[in-house]
Amino acid sequence: QVGVADFTHLKDAKLLQPQGIGVDKPHQRKGLATAMYERAEKITGAKIYPSSEQSSSAEKLWAQPNRPFGKADAGKLGSLSKDKKISISKKELKAYHHLSQ
């Protein structure tokens, strides 16, 4: 495993909020976090909004002007009530990464 992504999914609002995203150091800056975000949106049909508390890496990820995930006007939502957690496995990510190339 080189990364993990957990989201809270609010089905009625069609929103996802990251709860924990991580990529091992040797695999960072290769687009894996972006691929996990894109995959989560594809699986759920929901858009990701940033968490109210972010690491410096997350802030950089969200600051990308042409990021392929999330709403263009995404502001930090704060804490959301949990509906369902979605996890993306290494196998799913690897399959998605190969398909999207």
C-alpha atoms as a PDB file:
ATOM      1  CA  GLN A   1       0.000   0.000   0.000  1.00  0.00           C
ATOM      2  CA  VAL A   2       1.371   3.404  -0.973  1.00  0.00           C
ATOM      3  CA  GLY A   3      -1.599   5.581  -0.099  1.00  0.00           C
ATOM      4  CA  VAL A   4      -4.975   5.753   1.585  1.00  0.00           C
ATOM      5  CA  ALA A   5      -8.060   7.907   1.135  1.00  0.00           C
ATOM      6  CA  ASP A   6     -11.081   8.036   3.448  1.00  0.00           C
ATOM      7  CA  PHE A   7     -14.064  10.283   2.761  1.00  0.00           C
ATOM      8  CA  THR A   8     -17.348  11.082   4.425  1.00  0.00           C
ATOM      9  CA  HIS A   9     -20.133  10.801   1.825  1.00  0.00           C
ATOM     10  CA  LEU A  10     -23.273  12.858   2.245  1.00  0.00           C
ATOM     11  CA  LYS A  11     -25.522  11.276  -0.356  1.00  0.00           C
ATOM     12  CA  ASP A  12     -28.393  13.782  -0.168  1.00  0.00           C
ATOM     13  CA  ALA A  13     -26.060  16.732  -0.765  1.00  0.00           C
ATOM     14  CA  LYS A  14     -23.877  14.796  -3.254  1.00  0.00           C
ATOM     15  CA  LEU A  15     -20.792  15.818  -1.321  1.00  0.00           C
ATOM     16  CA  LEU A  16     -17.608  14.093  -0.217  1.00  0.00           C
ATOM     17  CA  GLN A  17     -15.320  15.439   2.458  1.00  0.00           C
ATOM     18  CA  PRO A  18     -11.809  14.052   2.919  1.00  0.00           C
ATOM     19  CA  GLN A  19     -11.257  12.566   6.377  1.00  0.00           C
ATOM     20  CA  GLY A  20      -7.781  11.229   5.829  1.00  0.00           C
ATOM     21  CA  ILE A  21      -5.623  11.253   2.706  1.00  0.00           C
ATOM     22  CA  GLY A  22      -2.060  10.068   2.685  1.00  0.00           C
ATOM     23  CA  VAL A  23       0.604   9.000   0.218  1.00  0.00           C
ATOM     24  CA  ASP A  24       3.899   7.492   1.357  1.00  0.00           C
ATOM     25  CA  LYS A  25       6.841   9.896   0.938  1.00  0.00           C
ATOM     26  CA  PRO A  26       8.602   7.991  -1.883  1.00  0.00           C
ATOM     27  CA  HIS A  27       5.378   8.104  -3.933  1.00  0.00           C
ATOM     28  CA  GLN A  28       4.382  11.730  -3.336  1.00  0.00           C
ATOM     29  CA  ARG A  29       4.242  14.311  -6.144  1.00  0.00           C
ATOM     30  CA  LYS A  30       3.229  11.626  -8.677  1.00  0.00           C
ATOM     31  CA  GLY A  31      -0.469  12.438  -8.892  1.00  0.00           C
ATOM     32  CA  LEU A  32      -1.673   9.649  -6.593  1.00  0.00           C
ATOM     33  CA  ALA A  33      -3.701  11.891  -4.256  1.00  0.00           C
ATOM     34  CA  THR A  34      -5.328  13.526  -7.276  1.00  0.00           C
ATOM     35  CA  ALA A  35      -6.097  10.079  -8.717  1.00  0.00           C
ATOM     36  CA  MET A  36      -7.692   9.020  -5.419  1.00  0.00           C
ATOM     37  CA  TYR A  37      -9.844  12.168  -5.367  1.00  0.00           C
ATOM     38  CA  GLU A  38     -10.920  11.633  -8.983  1.00  0.00           C
ATOM     39  CA  ARG A  39     -11.724   7.977  -8.307  1.00  0.00           C
ATOM     40  CA  ALA A  40     -13.828   8.818  -5.249  1.00  0.00           C
ATOM     41  CA  GLU A  41     -15.868  11.292  -7.302  1.00  0.00           C
ATOM     42  CA  LYS A  42     -16.311   8.737 -10.087  1.00  0.00           C
ATOM     43  CA  ILE A  43     -17.421   5.971  -7.688  1.00  0.00           C
ATOM     44  CA  THR A  44     -19.940   8.152  -5.857  1.00  0.00           C
ATOM     45  CA  GLY A  45     -21.057  10.740  -8.399  1.00  0.00           C
ATOM     46  CA  ALA A  46     -20.447  13.340  -5.657  1.00  0.00           C
ATOM     47  CA  LYS A  47     -18.076  16.314  -5.604  1.00  0.00           C
ATOM     48  CA  ILE A  48     -15.339  16.715  -3.009  1.00  0.00           C
ATOM     49  CA  TYR A  49     -15.186  19.759  -0.747  1.00  0.00           C
ATOM     50  CA  PRO A  50     -12.052  20.492   1.267  1.00  0.00           C
ATOM     51  CA  SER A  51     -11.914  19.885   4.997  1.00  0.00           C
ATOM     52  CA  SER A  52     -11.760  22.827   7.354  1.00  0.00           C
ATOM     53  CA  GLU A  53      -8.461  21.535   8.734  1.00  0.00           C
ATOM     54  CA  GLN A  54      -5.795  20.850   6.141  1.00  0.00           C
ATOM     55  CA  SER A  55      -2.137  19.973   6.075  1.00  0.00           C
ATOM     56  CA  SER A  56       0.163  22.162   3.995  1.00  0.00           C
ATOM     57  CA  SER A  57       0.154  19.406   1.346  1.00  0.00           C
ATOM     58  CA  ALA A  58      -3.657  19.431   1.212  1.00  0.00           C
ATOM     59  CA  GLU A  59      -3.694  23.210   0.899  1.00  0.00           C
ATOM     60  CA  LYS A  60      -1.326  22.954  -2.085  1.00  0.00           C
ATOM     61  CA  LEU A  61      -3.485  20.238  -3.644  1.00  0.00           C
ATOM     62  CA  TRP A  62      -6.604  22.412  -3.362  1.00  0.00           C
ATOM     63  CA  ALA A  63      -4.771  25.540  -4.539  1.00  0.00           C
ATOM     64  CA  GLN A  64      -4.200  24.059  -7.996  1.00  0.00           C
ATOM     65  CA  PRO A  65      -6.164  26.317 -10.370  1.00  0.00           C
ATOM     66  CA  ASN A  66      -7.004  23.512 -12.831  1.00  0.00           C
ATOM     67  CA  ARG A  67      -7.450  20.614 -10.420  1.00  0.00           C
ATOM     68  CA  PRO A  68      -9.597  17.833 -11.925  1.00  0.00           C
ATOM     69  CA  PHE A  69     -11.698  17.303  -8.793  1.00  0.00           C
ATOM     70  CA  GLY A  70     -13.901  19.278  -6.460  1.00  0.00           C
ATOM     71  CA  LYS A  71     -16.132  22.225  -7.177  1.00  0.00           C
ATOM     72  CA  ALA A  72     -14.603  25.343  -8.649  1.00  0.00           C
ATOM     73  CA  ASP A  73     -16.097  27.431  -5.840  1.00  0.00           C
ATOM     74  CA  ALA A  74     -15.213  24.947  -3.100  1.00  0.00           C
ATOM     75  CA  GLY A  75     -14.827  26.667   0.225  1.00  0.00           C
ATOM     76  CA  LYS A  76     -14.023  24.871   3.439  1.00  0.00           C
ATOM     77  CA  LEU A  77     -17.201  23.366   4.864  1.00  0.00           C
ATOM     78  CA  GLY A  78     -16.058  22.557   8.348  1.00  0.00           C
ATOM     79  CA  SER A  79     -17.165  19.412  10.082  1.00  0.00           C
ATOM     80  CA  LEU A  80     -19.952  17.454   8.391  1.00  0.00           C
ATOM     81  CA  SER A  81     -22.164  14.844   9.953  1.00  0.00           C
ATOM     82  CA  LYS A  82     -21.075  11.431   8.796  1.00  0.00           C
ATOM     83  CA  ASP A  83     -23.180   9.386   6.428  1.00  0.00           C
ATOM     84  CA  LYS A  84     -20.804   6.818   4.982  1.00  0.00           C
ATOM     85  CA  LYS A  85     -17.066   6.401   4.718  1.00  0.00           C
ATOM     86  CA  ILE A  86     -15.587   5.449   1.379  1.00  0.00           C
ATOM     87  CA  SER A  87     -12.161   3.881   1.163  1.00  0.00           C
ATOM     88  CA  ILE A  88     -10.210   3.331  -2.027  1.00  0.00           C
ATOM     89  CA  SER A  89      -8.043   0.247  -2.127  1.00  0.00           C
ATOM     90  CA  LYS A  90      -4.614   0.046  -3.706  1.00  0.00           C
ATOM     91  CA  LYS A  91      -6.041  -2.367  -6.305  1.00  0.00           C
ATOM     92  CA  GLU A  92      -8.813   0.087  -7.293  1.00  0.00           C
ATOM     93  CA  LEU A  93      -6.366   2.970  -7.485  1.00  0.00           C
ATOM     94  CA  LYS A  94      -3.904   0.980  -9.574  1.00  0.00           C
ATOM     95  CA  ALA A  95      -6.652  -0.085 -12.004  1.00  0.00           C
ATOM     96  CA  TYR A  96      -7.939   3.486 -12.267  1.00  0.00           C
ATOM     97  CA  HIS A  97      -4.456   4.925 -12.741  1.00  0.00           C
ATOM     98  CA  HIS A  98      -3.822   2.527 -15.658  1.00  0.00           C
ATOM     99  CA  LEU A  99      -7.182   3.340 -17.261  1.00  0.00           C
ATOM    100  CA  SER A 100      -6.722   7.097 -17.029  1.00  0.00           C
ATOM    101  CA  GLN A 101      -3.317   7.153 -18.728  1.00  0.00           C
END
